[in-house]
């Protein structure tokens, strides 16, 4: 009995950033085709330019839909939206590239909803360019939620020895503390737990960060945020049999998770969760959007305008994003 190999829609991201180079470099690795069937949604001419910049021996095949792709190593299958002019420079913010990045995602969502692809893997976009192109989203996560009609999703970062899910993400720290409440904390933990169960961890061990230093230290720090906003959610989930511990001091929780005490850390706000993952290296992390009907993974780095168009970008994070996407899609 043959094993199904999932089709992953690989969106090109911002064409003036490193996305095209990351994609073409990743698709030189034979193991990618053993894990998944990659189908790029982007601009064929831009990919050909990236191939030349990186000095690679790859061909590009334009297809109308996934059924026309062959998924052969050495040839990149691409649904060509033909949105990027040949002379658009790398490394410069462009409203045109921002709009194109949105259009790639929109097409990928259409394909996913039609069950023509099994997962979406995204190259980085630039938020300022996205906004300049007329699409007012904080990032991929919120855009995908809107396009798929989902009211609430979570961001999970996955790195070697560390997984982190965020209760809040792209809002200021004061707004984040105001937004955190027991229901949101509970739903975030539930989404993270369900994702790890699907990935093969029967009973995930989940550690929950506090908001204040030392998780408030019994009211010594802060104004009772842990007791008001976090503890009720933790207690409800413990009563349901989930293996949830917290709130715990964030400074020691990440260390404990890194040594294997926990399968998942629940961070309360963006930098609390992102900082420890980024310390491990930008090439090590993968962004997984949790709560969508479709699996979505992404590199955990930005458009890197400073090196775009030079061919020096590392493809390690994209390789890991494709691997994670294939694993989650296959299990689904």
Protein backbone atom coordinates (compact mmCIF):
# COMPACT_ATOMS: atom_id res chain seq x y z
CA UNK A 1 0.00 0.00 0.00
CA UNK A 2 1.51 3.29 -1.11
CA UNK A 3 1.78 6.28 1.22
CA UNK A 4 -0.06 9.42 0.14
CA UNK A 5 2.30 12.33 -0.51
CA UNK A 6 0.53 15.64 0.21
CA UNK A 7 0.44 18.54 -2.23
CA UNK A 8 1.73 21.72 -0.61
CA UNK A 9 0.93 25.11 -2.10
CA UNK A 10 4.10 27.16 -1.70
CA UNK A 11 3.30 30.89 -1.90
CA UNK A 12 6.11 33.13 -3.17
CA UNK A 13 5.66 35.95 -0.64
CA UNK A 14 7.06 39.40 -1.39
CA UNK A 15 8.80 39.20 -4.76
CA UNK A 16 11.32 41.89 -3.80
CA UNK A 17 12.44 39.95 -0.71
CA UNK A 18 14.22 36.62 -0.30
CA UNK A 19 11.11 34.49 -0.89
CA UNK A 20 11.89 33.55 -4.52
CA UNK A 21 15.48 32.61 -3.61
CA UNK A 22 14.44 30.61 -0.54
CA UNK A 23 11.94 28.66 -2.63
CA UNK A 24 14.27 27.77 -5.49
CA UNK A 25 17.06 26.80 -3.10
CA UNK A 26 14.69 24.59 -1.11
CA UNK A 27 13.48 22.79 -4.21
CA UNK A 28 16.99 21.62 -5.06
CA UNK A 29 16.80 19.23 -2.06
CA UNK A 30 15.69 15.75 -3.06
CA UNK A 31 14.20 15.02 0.37
CA UNK A 32 11.52 17.68 -0.21
CA UNK A 33 10.01 15.57 -3.00
CA UNK A 34 10.07 12.51 -0.77
CA UNK A 35 8.02 14.42 1.83
CA UNK A 36 5.57 16.37 -0.33
CA UNK A 37 4.56 17.49 -3.81
CA UNK A 38 5.46 21.21 -3.88
CA UNK A 39 3.45 23.54 -6.11
CA UNK A 40 4.57 27.17 -6.17
CA UNK A 41 1.93 29.89 -6.44
CA UNK A 42 3.70 33.01 -7.63
CA UNK A 43 5.44 34.39 -10.71
CA UNK A 44 7.43 32.10 -13.00
CA UNK A 45 9.74 34.81 -14.37
CA UNK A 46 10.69 35.86 -10.84
CA UNK A 47 11.55 32.28 -9.96
CA UNK A 48 13.69 32.01 -13.09
CA UNK A 49 15.51 35.17 -12.09
CA UNK A 50 16.09 33.75 -8.59
CA UNK A 51 17.45 30.53 -10.11
CA UNK A 52 19.95 32.56 -12.13
CA UNK A 53 20.96 34.66 -9.10
CA UNK A 54 21.56 31.51 -7.03
CA UNK A 55 23.44 29.78 -9.85
CA UNK A 56 21.17 26.73 -9.81
CA UNK A 57 20.31 24.18 -12.48
CA UNK A 58 16.52 24.13 -12.31
CA UNK A 59 13.72 24.48 -14.84
CA UNK A 60 10.34 26.14 -14.28
CA UNK A 61 7.10 24.58 -15.58
CA UNK A 62 4.00 26.76 -15.75
CA UNK A 63 0.74 24.94 -14.92
CA UNK A 64 -2.87 26.05 -14.76
CA UNK A 65 -3.84 24.00 -11.72
CA UNK A 66 -2.44 21.20 -9.52
CA UNK A 67 -3.61 18.48 -11.90
CA UNK A 68 -1.15 19.72 -14.52
CA UNK A 69 1.89 19.49 -12.24
CA UNK A 70 4.37 16.59 -12.43
CA UNK A 71 6.29 17.19 -9.18
CA UNK A 72 9.64 16.08 -10.59
CA UNK A 73 12.93 17.00 -8.90
CA UNK A 74 14.83 19.46 -11.05
CA UNK A 75 11.70 21.19 -12.35
CA UNK A 76 9.61 23.65 -10.33
CA UNK A 77 5.87 23.52 -10.99
CA UNK A 78 4.29 26.96 -10.66
CA UNK A 79 0.83 28.45 -11.02
CA UNK A 80 1.96 31.69 -12.65
CA UNK A 81 -0.11 34.73 -11.71
CA UNK A 82 2.19 36.94 -13.80
CA UNK A 83 2.01 39.98 -11.51
CA UNK A 84 5.65 41.04 -11.19
CA UNK A 85 7.43 43.12 -13.88
CA UNK A 86 10.82 41.76 -14.94
CA UNK A 87 12.59 44.96 -13.91
CA UNK A 88 11.18 45.19 -10.36
CA UNK A 89 14.29 45.50 -8.17
CA UNK A 90 15.06 43.27 -5.20
CA UNK A 91 15.42 44.78 -1.74
CA UNK A 92 13.04 47.72 -2.20
CA UNK A 93 9.56 48.12 -0.76
CA UNK A 94 6.94 47.86 -3.49
CA UNK A 95 3.13 48.22 -3.28
CA UNK A 96 2.97 46.04 -6.41
CA UNK A 97 4.82 43.23 -4.64
CA UNK A 98 2.64 43.71 -1.56
CA UNK A 99 -0.53 43.24 -3.59
CA UNK A 100 0.97 40.24 -5.40
CA UNK A 101 1.84 38.57 -2.07
CA UNK A 102 -1.83 38.86 -1.12
CA UNK A 103 -2.98 37.43 -4.45
CA UNK A 104 -0.72 34.38 -4.04
CA UNK A 105 -2.27 33.66 -0.65
CA UNK A 106 -5.80 34.18 -1.93
CA UNK A 107 -5.22 31.68 -4.75
CA UNK A 108 -3.70 29.17 -2.33
CA UNK A 109 -6.74 29.43 -0.05
CA UNK A 110 -9.05 28.83 -3.03
CA UNK A 111 -7.08 25.70 -3.93
CA UNK A 112 -7.10 24.47 -0.32
CA UNK A 113 -10.83 24.99 0.06
CA UNK A 114 -11.37 23.08 -3.20
CA UNK A 115 -9.25 20.22 -1.75
CA UNK A 116 -6.73 20.59 -4.57
CA UNK A 117 -3.84 21.15 -2.18
CA UNK A 118 -3.36 19.65 1.29
CA UNK A 119 -1.44 22.46 3.01
CA UNK A 120 -0.09 25.96 2.47
CA UNK A 121 3.54 26.90 3.11
CA UNK A 122 4.31 30.62 2.90
CA UNK A 123 7.46 32.50 1.99
CA UNK A 124 7.76 35.84 3.85
CA UNK A 125 5.82 38.97 2.99
CA UNK A 126 6.49 42.56 4.03
CA UNK A 127 3.72 44.07 6.14
CA UNK A 128 4.41 47.65 5.00
CA UNK A 129 4.30 46.58 1.35
CA UNK A 130 1.13 44.58 2.00
CA UNK A 131 -0.55 47.66 3.45
CA UNK A 132 0.76 49.87 0.63
CA UNK A 133 -0.75 47.37 -1.80
CA UNK A 134 -4.18 47.94 -0.26
CA UNK A 135 -4.46 44.99 2.13
CA UNK A 136 -4.67 46.10 5.75
CA UNK A 137 -3.71 42.96 7.66
CA UNK A 138 -1.09 42.71 10.42
CA UNK A 139 0.37 39.66 8.66
CA UNK A 140 -0.20 36.22 7.13
CA UNK A 141 -2.01 34.85 10.18
CA UNK A 142 -4.78 37.44 10.24
CA UNK A 143 -5.09 37.43 6.44
CA UNK A 144 -5.57 33.67 6.35
CA UNK A 145 -8.16 33.84 9.12
CA UNK A 146 -10.15 36.40 7.14
CA UNK A 147 -9.89 34.53 3.82
CA UNK A 148 -10.98 31.24 5.40
CA UNK A 149 -13.80 32.79 7.45
CA UNK A 150 -12.29 31.83 10.81
CA UNK A 151 -12.84 34.25 13.69
CA UNK A 152 -9.87 33.28 15.82
CA UNK A 153 -6.55 31.53 15.17
CA UNK A 154 -3.27 31.20 17.04
CA UNK A 155 0.38 31.46 16.07
CA UNK A 156 2.62 28.55 17.03
CA UNK A 157 6.39 28.67 16.59
CA UNK A 158 8.12 25.31 16.26
CA UNK A 159 11.88 24.92 16.71
CA UNK A 160 14.11 22.02 17.75
CA UNK A 161 13.25 21.18 21.38
CA UNK A 162 10.74 24.04 21.66
CA UNK A 163 7.14 24.75 20.62
CA UNK A 164 5.44 28.01 21.58
CA UNK A 165 1.83 29.09 21.04
CA UNK A 166 0.78 32.72 21.58
CA UNK A 167 -2.33 34.03 23.32
CA UNK A 168 -1.80 37.44 21.67
CA UNK A 169 0.52 38.39 18.81
CA UNK A 170 0.67 41.58 16.77
CA UNK A 171 -0.55 44.16 19.27
CA UNK A 172 1.22 46.40 21.78
CA UNK A 173 2.03 45.10 25.25
CA UNK A 174 -0.59 47.27 27.00
CA UNK A 175 -3.26 46.16 24.54
CA UNK A 176 -2.13 42.55 24.92
CA UNK A 177 -2.57 42.57 28.70
CA UNK A 178 -5.98 44.15 28.27
CA UNK A 179 -7.01 41.52 25.70
CA UNK A 180 -5.90 38.47 27.69
CA UNK A 181 -8.85 36.85 29.50
CA UNK A 182 -9.64 33.30 30.66
CA UNK A 183 -11.70 32.36 27.60
CA UNK A 184 -8.96 33.40 25.16
CA UNK A 185 -6.30 31.62 27.21
CA UNK A 186 -8.42 28.46 27.30
CA UNK A 187 -9.14 28.48 23.55
CA UNK A 188 -5.46 29.04 22.76
CA UNK A 189 -4.41 26.10 24.90
CA UNK A 190 -7.13 23.92 23.36
CA UNK A 191 -5.94 24.77 19.83
CA UNK A 192 -2.35 23.97 20.73
CA UNK A 193 -3.29 20.72 22.44
CA UNK A 194 -5.41 19.58 19.46
CA UNK A 195 -2.61 20.34 17.01
CA UNK A 196 -0.05 18.30 18.94
CA UNK A 197 -2.49 15.41 19.32
CA UNK A 198 -2.94 15.42 15.51
CA UNK A 199 0.85 15.45 15.18
CA UNK A 200 1.06 12.24 17.20
CA UNK A 201 1.56 13.37 20.81
CA UNK A 202 -1.22 11.56 22.67
CA UNK A 203 -1.25 13.76 25.80
CA UNK A 204 0.80 16.95 25.36
CA UNK A 205 2.47 18.43 28.43
CA UNK A 206 1.66 22.13 28.37
CA UNK A 207 3.35 24.85 30.41
CA UNK A 208 1.64 28.25 30.66
CA UNK A 209 3.60 31.49 31.11
CA UNK A 210 2.58 34.15 33.57
CA UNK A 211 2.25 37.79 32.54
CA UNK A 212 4.31 39.40 35.29
CA UNK A 213 7.86 38.63 36.49
CA UNK A 214 7.89 35.37 38.51
CA UNK A 215 4.26 34.84 37.37
CA UNK A 216 3.21 37.57 39.80
CA UNK A 217 4.71 35.77 42.82
CA UNK A 218 1.38 35.52 44.63
CA UNK A 219 0.45 39.15 44.04
CA UNK A 220 3.86 40.69 44.72
CA UNK A 221 4.19 41.85 41.10
CA UNK A 222 1.41 43.31 38.97
CA UNK A 223 -2.24 43.69 39.82
CA UNK A 224 -3.46 40.12 40.07
CA UNK A 225 -3.40 39.42 36.33
CA UNK A 226 -2.44 35.78 36.77
CA UNK A 227 -5.29 35.09 39.19
CA UNK A 228 -7.82 36.96 37.07
CA UNK A 229 -6.80 36.07 33.51
CA UNK A 230 -4.90 32.76 33.49
CA UNK A 231 -5.63 30.54 36.50
CA UNK A 232 -9.38 30.07 35.77
CA UNK A 233 -8.54 28.72 32.29
CA UNK A 234 -5.83 26.41 33.60
CA UNK A 235 -8.14 24.99 36.27
CA UNK A 236 -10.96 24.32 33.79
CA UNK A 237 -8.64 22.46 31.44
CA UNK A 238 -7.07 20.47 34.28
CA UNK A 239 -10.56 19.40 35.34
CA UNK A 240 -11.10 18.10 31.79
CA UNK A 241 -7.95 16.00 32.02
CA UNK A 242 -5.50 18.09 29.99
CA UNK A 243 -1.90 18.11 31.23
CA UNK A 244 -1.63 21.86 31.81
CA UNK A 245 0.65 23.54 34.36
CA UNK A 246 0.80 27.22 35.21
CA UNK A 247 1.03 30.07 35.31
CA UNK A 248 4.80 29.65 35.57
CA UNK A 249 7.65 32.19 35.44
CA UNK A 250 8.53 32.60 31.76
CA UNK A 251 12.27 32.87 32.40
CA UNK A 252 12.50 29.33 33.77
CA UNK A 253 9.63 27.78 31.79
CA UNK A 254 11.42 28.13 28.46
CA UNK A 255 14.54 26.51 29.94
CA UNK A 256 12.46 23.62 31.28
CA UNK A 257 10.68 23.17 27.95
CA UNK A 258 14.01 23.17 26.13
CA UNK A 259 15.28 20.31 28.25
CA UNK A 260 12.12 18.29 27.60
CA UNK A 261 9.79 18.92 30.56
CA UNK A 262 7.00 20.32 28.32
CA UNK A 263 5.79 19.70 24.78
CA UNK A 264 4.31 23.18 24.42
CA UNK A 265 4.77 26.59 26.02
CA UNK A 266 1.86 29.05 26.06
CA UNK A 267 3.20 32.61 25.75
CA UNK A 268 0.99 35.52 26.69
CA UNK A 269 2.33 38.08 24.20
CA UNK A 270 4.48 38.34 21.08
CA UNK A 271 7.98 38.99 22.40
CA UNK A 272 7.59 36.64 25.36
CA UNK A 273 7.26 33.76 22.91
CA UNK A 274 9.28 34.96 19.94
CA UNK A 275 12.42 35.91 21.85
CA UNK A 276 13.39 32.43 23.04
CA UNK A 277 12.69 30.88 19.62
CA UNK A 278 14.70 33.54 17.76
CA UNK A 279 17.65 32.96 20.09
CA UNK A 280 17.81 29.44 18.67
CA UNK A 281 18.40 30.93 15.21
CA UNK A 282 16.19 32.41 12.51
CA UNK A 283 16.79 29.37 10.33
CA UNK A 284 15.57 26.98 13.04
CA UNK A 285 12.01 28.17 13.58
CA UNK A 286 8.78 27.45 11.72
CA UNK A 287 5.53 29.39 12.05
CA UNK A 288 2.36 27.25 12.16
CA UNK A 289 -1.07 28.88 12.04
CA UNK A 290 -3.31 26.93 14.43
CA UNK A 291 -7.11 26.91 14.18
CA UNK A 292 -7.54 27.09 10.40
CA UNK A 293 -9.28 24.35 8.44
CA UNK A 294 -6.19 24.18 6.23
CA UNK A 295 -2.69 23.42 7.49
CA UNK A 296 -0.40 26.45 7.12
CA UNK A 297 3.29 26.65 7.91
CA UNK A 298 5.80 29.39 7.21
CA UNK A 299 9.43 30.31 7.53
CA UNK A 300 10.12 32.17 10.74
CA UNK A 301 12.07 35.02 9.16
CA UNK A 302 11.23 38.13 7.21
CA UNK A 303 11.81 39.40 3.69
CA UNK A 304 15.45 40.35 4.47
CA UNK A 305 15.62 43.21 1.97
CA UNK A 306 19.27 43.75 2.90
CA UNK A 307 20.33 40.46 1.27
CA UNK A 308 17.51 39.95 -1.24
CA UNK A 309 18.77 39.36 -4.76
CA UNK A 310 22.24 38.27 -3.66
CA UNK A 311 21.67 34.50 -3.46
CA UNK A 312 23.14 34.15 0.04
CA UNK A 313 19.91 33.48 1.98
CA UNK A 314 19.75 30.24 3.98
CA UNK A 315 16.88 27.90 3.07
CA UNK A 316 16.92 25.92 6.34
CA UNK A 317 13.72 27.41 7.77
CA UNK A 318 11.82 26.80 4.54
CA UNK A 319 12.95 23.17 4.45
CA UNK A 320 11.68 22.72 8.00
CA UNK A 321 8.41 24.53 7.17
CA UNK A 322 7.82 22.17 4.24
CA UNK A 323 8.62 19.15 6.42
CA UNK A 324 6.25 20.27 9.19
CA UNK A 325 3.52 21.08 6.66
CA UNK A 326 3.86 17.66 5.04
CA UNK A 327 3.74 15.90 8.40
CA UNK A 328 0.66 17.75 9.62
CA UNK A 329 -1.12 17.43 6.27
CA UNK A 330 -0.37 13.72 6.04
CA UNK A 331 -1.72 13.07 9.52
CA UNK A 332 -4.85 15.03 8.73
